Amino acid sequence: MKLTLAAGFVMAALGISAIAQDWYHEREERFRGEEWRAHVFLNVRTDLDHIWSANRASDRERARLDRTKEELTKMQADLDAGRFDNGLLNDVIDSLRKSSNDERLSSRDRDVLANDVVRLKDYQDHHNNWLHH
């Protein structure tokens, strides 16, 4: 019985690890080429939804991340409508930068967020030259 239970826990842990690996691989594929640009804010929000270690963050940190998700949703809707709010983008970049430096998040999740900051800065610098649809 104990052996069966232990085997079940090991299988569950391996399954969770495989799902996480798949997500990181899928994320890399999502950002290949240039098509991600039209959905940059949605893609960054998706990253925030999948940051596994955020559960270890403080209540204040999680509240800030939730607010950042809401801002990203608004920014994607604005982008889809041809609008751009540089001030709001600066707020999002600052929030993600704070999270990417938070030692309570896993190093891999911090790397994801740091990469998102780079993409958002790239968008900020070049959005007038990119096709959005």
N, C-alpha and C. Protein backbone atom coordinates (compact mmCIF):
# COMPACT_ATOMS: atom_id res chain seq x y z
N MET A 1 0.82 -1.19 0.00
CA MET A 1 0.00 0.00 0.00
C MET A 1 0.87 1.26 0.00
N LYS A 2 1.87 1.29 0.91
CA LYS A 2 2.74 2.46 0.97
C LYS A 2 3.53 2.62 -0.33
N LEU A 3 3.95 1.49 -0.90
CA LEU A 3 4.70 1.54 -2.14
C LEU A 3 3.84 2.09 -3.28
N THR A 4 2.58 1.68 -3.32
CA THR A 4 1.66 2.17 -4.34
C THR A 4 1.43 3.66 -4.17
N LEU A 5 1.25 4.10 -2.93
CA LEU A 5 1.04 5.51 -2.65
C LEU A 5 2.27 6.33 -3.04
N ALA A 6 3.45 5.83 -2.69
CA ALA A 6 4.70 6.52 -3.04
C ALA A 6 4.86 6.60 -4.55
N ALA A 7 4.55 5.51 -5.24
CA ALA A 7 4.64 5.51 -6.70
C ALA A 7 3.67 6.52 -7.30
N GLY A 8 2.49 6.64 -6.71
CA GLY A 8 1.51 7.61 -7.17
C GLY A 8 2.01 9.04 -7.03
N PHE A 9 2.65 9.33 -5.90
CA PHE A 9 3.20 10.67 -5.68
C PHE A 9 4.32 10.98 -6.68
N VAL A 10 5.16 10.00 -6.94
CA VAL A 10 6.25 10.18 -7.90
C VAL A 10 5.68 10.45 -9.28
N MET A 11 4.68 9.69 -9.68
CA MET A 11 4.07 9.87 -11.00
C MET A 11 3.42 11.25 -11.10
N ALA A 12 2.75 11.68 -10.04
CA ALA A 12 2.12 13.00 -10.04
C ALA A 12 3.18 14.10 -10.17
N ALA A 13 4.27 13.96 -9.43
CA ALA A 13 5.34 14.96 -9.50
C ALA A 13 5.95 15.01 -10.89
N LEU A 14 6.16 13.86 -11.49
CA LEU A 14 6.71 13.82 -12.85
C LEU A 14 5.73 14.43 -13.84
N GLY A 15 4.45 14.19 -13.64
CA GLY A 15 3.43 14.76 -14.52
C GLY A 15 3.41 16.28 -14.45
N ILE A 16 3.49 16.81 -13.23
CA ILE A 16 3.51 18.26 -13.06
C ILE A 16 4.77 18.85 -13.70
N SER A 17 5.89 18.19 -13.51
CA SER A 17 7.14 18.66 -14.11
C SER A 17 7.05 18.66 -15.63
N ALA A 18 6.45 17.63 -16.20
CA ALA A 18 6.30 17.55 -17.65
C ALA A 18 5.41 18.66 -18.18
N ILE A 19 4.34 18.96 -17.45
CA ILE A 19 3.44 20.05 -17.86
C ILE A 19 4.20 21.37 -17.85
N ALA A 20 4.98 21.61 -16.80
CA ALA A 20 5.76 22.85 -16.72
C ALA A 20 6.75 22.93 -17.87
N GLN A 21 7.44 21.84 -18.17
CA GLN A 21 8.39 21.82 -19.28
C GLN A 21 7.69 22.13 -20.59
N ASP A 22 6.50 21.52 -20.79
CA ASP A 22 5.74 21.77 -22.01
C ASP A 22 5.38 23.24 -22.13
N TRP A 23 4.98 23.87 -21.01
CA TRP A 23 4.59 25.27 -21.07
C TRP A 23 5.77 26.15 -21.47
N TYR A 24 6.94 25.93 -20.88
CA TYR A 24 8.11 26.73 -21.22
C TYR A 24 8.48 26.54 -22.70
N HIS A 25 8.38 25.32 -23.20
CA HIS A 25 8.66 25.06 -24.61
C HIS A 25 7.62 25.75 -25.49
N GLU A 26 6.34 25.63 -25.12
CA GLU A 26 5.27 26.27 -25.88
C GLU A 26 5.46 27.78 -25.91
N ARG A 27 5.91 28.34 -24.79
CA ARG A 27 6.15 29.78 -24.71
C ARG A 27 7.22 30.20 -25.71
N GLU A 28 8.29 29.45 -25.79
CA GLU A 28 9.36 29.77 -26.74
C GLU A 28 8.82 29.76 -28.17
N GLU A 29 7.97 28.79 -28.48
CA GLU A 29 7.39 28.70 -29.81
C GLU A 29 6.47 29.89 -30.09
N ARG A 30 5.72 30.31 -29.08
CA ARG A 30 4.78 31.42 -29.21
C ARG A 30 5.50 32.71 -29.60
N PHE A 31 6.73 32.88 -29.16
CA PHE A 31 7.47 34.11 -29.42
C PHE A 31 8.41 34.01 -30.62
N ARG A 32 8.34 32.93 -31.38
CA ARG A 32 9.16 32.82 -32.59
C ARG A 32 8.59 33.74 -33.67
N GLY A 33 9.46 34.24 -34.51
CA GLY A 33 9.01 35.09 -35.61
C GLY A 33 8.53 36.44 -35.11
N GLU A 34 7.60 37.02 -35.84
CA GLU A 34 7.11 38.36 -35.52
C GLU A 34 5.63 38.40 -35.20
N GLU A 35 4.93 37.30 -35.32
CA GLU A 35 3.49 37.30 -35.12
C GLU A 35 3.08 37.61 -33.69
N TRP A 36 3.98 37.40 -32.73
CA TRP A 36 3.68 37.69 -31.33
C TRP A 36 3.41 39.16 -31.10
N ARG A 37 3.93 40.02 -31.96
CA ARG A 37 3.82 41.46 -31.74
C ARG A 37 2.37 41.94 -31.66
N ALA A 38 1.49 41.36 -32.45
CA ALA A 38 0.09 41.78 -32.44
C ALA A 38 -0.63 41.34 -31.17
N HIS A 39 -0.01 40.44 -30.41
CA HIS A 39 -0.62 39.91 -29.19
C HIS A 39 0.34 40.01 -28.01
N VAL A 40 1.24 40.97 -28.07
CA VAL A 40 2.30 41.06 -27.07
C VAL A 40 1.75 41.13 -25.65
N PHE A 41 0.71 41.91 -25.42
CA PHE A 41 0.20 42.08 -24.05
C PHE A 41 -0.52 40.82 -23.58
N LEU A 42 -1.24 40.17 -24.49
CA LEU A 42 -1.90 38.91 -24.16
C LEU A 42 -0.85 37.84 -23.83
N ASN A 43 0.21 37.79 -24.60
CA ASN A 43 1.27 36.80 -24.35
C ASN A 43 1.95 37.02 -23.00
N VAL A 44 2.21 38.27 -22.65
CA VAL A 44 2.83 38.56 -21.36
C VAL A 44 1.87 38.21 -20.23
N ARG A 45 0.58 38.50 -20.43
CA ARG A 45 -0.41 38.14 -19.41
C ARG A 45 -0.46 36.63 -19.23
N THR A 46 -0.39 35.90 -20.32
CA THR A 46 -0.36 34.44 -20.25
C THR A 46 0.84 33.97 -19.44
N ASP A 47 1.97 34.63 -19.63
CA ASP A 47 3.15 34.28 -18.83
C ASP A 47 2.86 34.48 -17.34
N LEU A 48 2.23 35.59 -16.99
CA LEU A 48 1.91 35.84 -15.58
C LEU A 48 0.96 34.78 -15.04
N ASP A 49 0.02 34.33 -15.87
CA ASP A 49 -0.91 33.28 -15.44
C ASP A 49 -0.20 31.96 -15.15
N HIS A 50 0.94 31.74 -15.78
CA HIS A 50 1.63 30.46 -15.66
C HIS A 50 2.87 30.48 -14.79
N ILE A 51 3.14 31.58 -14.16
CA ILE A 51 4.30 31.64 -13.27
C ILE A 51 3.97 30.81 -12.03
N TRP A 52 4.52 29.61 -12.00
CA TRP A 52 4.19 28.65 -10.94
C TRP A 52 4.60 29.14 -9.57
N SER A 53 5.74 29.76 -9.47
CA SER A 53 6.26 30.12 -8.16
C SER A 53 5.63 31.37 -7.58
N ALA A 54 4.74 32.03 -8.31
CA ALA A 54 4.11 33.25 -7.80
C ALA A 54 3.28 32.96 -6.56
N ASN A 55 2.88 31.72 -6.37
CA ASN A 55 2.10 31.37 -5.18
C ASN A 55 2.91 31.60 -3.91
N ARG A 56 4.23 31.60 -4.02
CA ARG A 56 5.08 31.84 -2.86
C ARG A 56 5.30 33.33 -2.60
N ALA A 57 4.82 34.17 -3.49
CA ALA A 57 5.00 35.61 -3.33
C ALA A 57 4.10 36.12 -2.20
N SER A 58 4.45 37.28 -1.69
CA SER A 58 3.66 37.88 -0.62
C SER A 58 2.30 38.32 -1.16
N ASP A 59 1.36 38.58 -0.25
CA ASP A 59 0.04 39.05 -0.65
C ASP A 59 0.15 40.34 -1.46
N ARG A 60 1.03 41.21 -1.03
CA ARG A 60 1.22 42.49 -1.72
C ARG A 60 1.74 42.26 -3.14
N GLU A 61 2.69 41.34 -3.28
CA GLU A 61 3.25 41.01 -4.60
C GLU A 61 2.17 40.41 -5.50
N ARG A 62 1.38 39.49 -4.97
CA ARG A 62 0.31 38.88 -5.78
C ARG A 62 -0.72 39.92 -6.19
N ALA A 63 -1.04 40.86 -5.30
CA ALA A 63 -2.00 41.92 -5.64
C ALA A 63 -1.44 42.79 -6.77
N ARG A 64 -0.16 43.09 -6.71
CA ARG A 64 0.47 43.88 -7.77
C ARG A 64 0.44 43.12 -9.09
N LEU A 65 0.72 41.82 -9.04
CA LEU A 65 0.67 41.01 -10.27
C LEU A 65 -0.74 40.93 -10.83
N ASP A 66 -1.74 40.83 -9.96
CA ASP A 66 -3.13 40.82 -10.42
C ASP A 66 -3.48 42.13 -11.11
N ARG A 67 -3.05 43.25 -10.54
CA ARG A 67 -3.29 44.56 -11.14
C ARG A 67 -2.57 44.64 -12.50
N THR A 68 -1.37 44.11 -12.56
CA THR A 68 -0.61 44.11 -13.81
C THR A 68 -1.34 43.29 -14.88
N LYS A 69 -1.91 42.16 -14.49
CA LYS A 69 -2.69 41.35 -15.44
C LYS A 69 -3.86 42.15 -16.00
N GLU A 70 -4.56 42.87 -15.13
CA GLU A 70 -5.69 43.70 -15.58
C GLU A 70 -5.20 44.77 -16.56
N GLU A 71 -4.08 45.39 -16.26
CA GLU A 71 -3.52 46.42 -17.14
C GLU A 71 -3.13 45.82 -18.49
N LEU A 72 -2.56 44.63 -18.48
CA LEU A 72 -2.20 43.97 -19.74
C LEU A 72 -3.43 43.64 -20.58
N THR A 73 -4.50 43.21 -19.92
CA THR A 73 -5.75 42.93 -20.64
C THR A 73 -6.27 44.20 -21.30
N LYS A 74 -6.26 45.32 -20.57
CA LYS A 74 -6.70 46.60 -21.12
C LYS A 74 -5.80 47.02 -22.28
N MET A 75 -4.51 46.85 -22.11
CA MET A 75 -3.58 47.26 -23.17
C MET A 75 -3.76 46.44 -24.44
N GLN A 76 -4.07 45.13 -24.29
CA GLN A 76 -4.31 44.32 -25.48
C GLN A 76 -5.58 44.78 -26.19
N ALA A 77 -6.63 45.10 -25.42
CA ALA A 77 -7.86 45.62 -26.03
C ALA A 77 -7.59 46.94 -26.74
N ASP A 78 -6.79 47.80 -26.11
CA ASP A 78 -6.42 49.07 -26.75
C ASP A 78 -5.62 48.82 -28.02
N LEU A 79 -4.66 47.91 -27.97
CA LEU A 79 -3.86 47.59 -29.14
C LEU A 79 -4.75 47.08 -30.27
N ASP A 80 -5.69 46.21 -29.94
CA ASP A 80 -6.61 45.68 -30.95
C ASP A 80 -7.45 46.79 -31.59
N ALA A 81 -7.70 47.87 -30.82
CA ALA A 81 -8.48 49.00 -31.31
C ALA A 81 -7.60 50.10 -31.90
N GLY A 82 -6.29 49.87 -31.94
CA GLY A 82 -5.38 50.84 -32.52
C GLY A 82 -4.96 51.96 -31.58
N ARG A 83 -5.13 51.74 -30.27
CA ARG A 83 -4.74 52.75 -29.27
C ARG A 83 -3.51 52.28 -28.51
N PHE A 84 -2.80 53.26 -27.93
CA PHE A 84 -1.58 52.95 -27.19
C PHE A 84 -1.45 53.93 -26.03
N ASP A 85 -1.17 53.41 -24.83
CA ASP A 85 -1.01 54.23 -23.63
C ASP A 85 0.40 53.99 -23.08
N ASN A 86 1.31 54.90 -23.39
CA ASN A 86 2.71 54.74 -22.98
C ASN A 86 2.87 54.77 -21.47
N GLY A 87 2.08 55.59 -20.78
CA GLY A 87 2.16 55.66 -19.32
C GLY A 87 1.79 54.35 -18.67
N LEU A 88 0.72 53.73 -19.16
CA LEU A 88 0.30 52.43 -18.62
C LEU A 88 1.35 51.37 -18.92
N LEU A 89 1.94 51.43 -20.11
CA LEU A 89 3.00 50.48 -20.45
C LEU A 89 4.19 50.64 -19.50
N ASN A 90 4.54 51.87 -19.17
CA ASN A 90 5.62 52.09 -18.20
C ASN A 90 5.29 51.46 -16.85
N ASP A 91 4.03 51.58 -16.42
CA ASP A 91 3.61 50.97 -15.15
C ASP A 91 3.78 49.45 -15.19
N VAL A 92 3.36 48.85 -16.30
CA VAL A 92 3.47 47.39 -16.46
C VAL A 92 4.94 46.97 -16.47
N ILE A 93 5.76 47.69 -17.20
CA ILE A 93 7.19 47.36 -17.25
C ILE A 93 7.81 47.45 -15.86
N ASP A 94 7.48 48.50 -15.12
CA ASP A 94 8.01 48.64 -13.75
C ASP A 94 7.58 47.48 -12.87
N SER A 95 6.32 47.08 -12.97
CA SER A 95 5.80 45.97 -12.17
C SER A 95 6.52 44.67 -12.50
N LEU A 96 6.67 44.39 -13.79
CA LEU A 96 7.35 43.16 -14.20
C LEU A 96 8.83 43.18 -13.81
N ARG A 97 9.43 44.34 -13.88
CA ARG A 97 10.83 44.46 -13.49
C ARG A 97 11.00 44.13 -12.01
N LYS A 98 10.07 44.62 -11.18
CA LYS A 98 10.12 44.30 -9.74
C LYS A 98 10.01 42.79 -9.53
N SER A 99 9.07 42.17 -10.22
CA SER A 99 8.88 40.73 -10.07
C SER A 99 10.08 39.95 -10.57
N SER A 100 10.68 40.41 -11.65
CA SER A 100 11.83 39.69 -12.21
C SER A 100 13.04 39.75 -11.28
N ASN A 101 13.01 40.65 -10.31
CA ASN A 101 14.09 40.76 -9.33
C ASN A 101 13.72 40.17 -7.98
N ASP A 102 12.52 39.60 -7.85
CA ASP A 102 12.03 39.06 -6.58
C ASP A 102 12.60 37.66 -6.36
N GLU A 103 13.44 37.52 -5.35
CA GLU A 103 14.11 36.25 -5.06
C GLU A 103 13.15 35.14 -4.65
N ARG A 104 11.92 35.47 -4.28
CA ARG A 104 10.96 34.43 -3.90
C ARG A 104 10.43 33.67 -5.11
N LEU A 105 10.56 34.26 -6.29
CA LEU A 105 10.17 33.55 -7.51
C LEU A 105 11.33 32.67 -7.95
N SER A 106 11.01 31.59 -8.64
CA SER A 106 12.07 30.71 -9.13
C SER A 106 12.92 31.46 -10.16
N SER A 107 14.14 31.05 -10.31
CA SER A 107 15.03 31.74 -11.26
C SER A 107 14.47 31.64 -12.68
N ARG A 108 13.87 30.52 -13.01
CA ARG A 108 13.30 30.35 -14.35
C ARG A 108 12.14 31.32 -14.58
N ASP A 109 11.29 31.48 -13.56
CA ASP A 109 10.17 32.41 -13.68
C ASP A 109 10.67 33.86 -13.73
N ARG A 110 11.70 34.16 -12.97
CA ARG A 110 12.29 35.51 -13.04
C ARG A 110 12.85 35.77 -14.43
N ASP A 111 13.46 34.76 -15.03
CA ASP A 111 13.98 34.90 -16.39
C ASP A 111 12.86 35.16 -17.40
N VAL A 112 11.73 34.46 -17.23
CA VAL A 112 10.57 34.67 -18.11
C VAL A 112 10.12 36.12 -18.01
N LEU A 113 9.99 36.63 -16.78
CA LEU A 113 9.53 38.00 -16.59
C LEU A 113 10.55 39.01 -17.11
N ALA A 114 11.82 38.75 -16.92
CA ALA A 114 12.85 39.65 -17.44
C ALA A 114 12.79 39.68 -18.97
N ASN A 115 12.55 38.53 -19.59
CA ASN A 115 12.39 38.46 -21.03
C ASN A 115 11.16 39.24 -21.48
N ASP A 116 10.08 39.16 -20.70
CA ASP A 116 8.88 39.94 -21.03
C ASP A 116 9.16 41.44 -20.96
N VAL A 117 9.96 41.87 -19.99
CA VAL A 117 10.33 43.29 -19.89
C VAL A 117 11.06 43.72 -21.16
N VAL A 118 11.98 42.89 -21.63
CA VAL A 118 12.73 43.21 -22.85
C VAL A 118 11.77 43.32 -24.03
N ARG A 119 10.82 42.39 -24.14
CA ARG A 119 9.86 42.44 -25.26
C ARG A 119 8.99 43.69 -25.18
N LEU A 120 8.54 44.04 -23.98
CA LEU A 120 7.69 45.22 -23.83
C LEU A 120 8.47 46.50 -24.14
N LYS A 121 9.73 46.57 -23.73
CA LYS A 121 10.56 47.73 -24.07
C LYS A 121 10.78 47.80 -25.58
N ASP A 122 10.98 46.65 -26.21
CA ASP A 122 11.13 46.59 -27.65
C ASP A 122 9.85 47.09 -28.32
N TYR A 123 8.71 46.65 -27.83
CA TYR A 123 7.43 47.12 -28.36
C TYR A 123 7.32 48.64 -28.18
N GLN A 124 7.64 49.11 -26.98
CA GLN A 124 7.54 50.54 -26.68
C GLN A 124 8.41 51.37 -27.64
N ASP A 125 9.59 50.89 -27.92
CA ASP A 125 10.51 51.62 -28.78
C ASP A 125 10.13 51.57 -30.26
N HIS A 126 9.43 50.52 -30.68
CA HIS A 126 9.21 50.30 -32.12
C HIS A 126 7.76 50.15 -32.54
N HIS A 127 6.80 50.35 -31.64
CA HIS A 127 5.40 50.03 -31.97
C HIS A 127 4.88 50.80 -33.18
N ASN A 128 5.37 51.99 -33.43
CA ASN A 128 4.89 52.76 -34.58
C ASN A 128 5.31 52.13 -35.91
N ASN A 129 6.35 51.32 -35.88
CA ASN A 129 6.86 50.71 -37.11
C ASN A 129 6.37 49.29 -37.33
N TRP A 130 5.65 48.74 -36.36
CA TRP A 130 5.19 47.36 -36.47
C TRP A 130 3.75 47.30 -36.93
N LEU A 131 3.45 46.32 -37.74
CA LEU A 131 2.07 46.04 -38.11
C LEU A 131 1.40 45.37 -36.93
N HIS A 132 0.16 45.75 -36.64
CA HIS A 132 -0.51 45.23 -35.45
C HIS A 132 -1.53 44.13 -35.76
N HIS A 133 -1.80 43.84 -36.98
CA HIS A 133 -2.80 42.80 -37.26
C HIS A 133 -2.36 41.87 -38.34
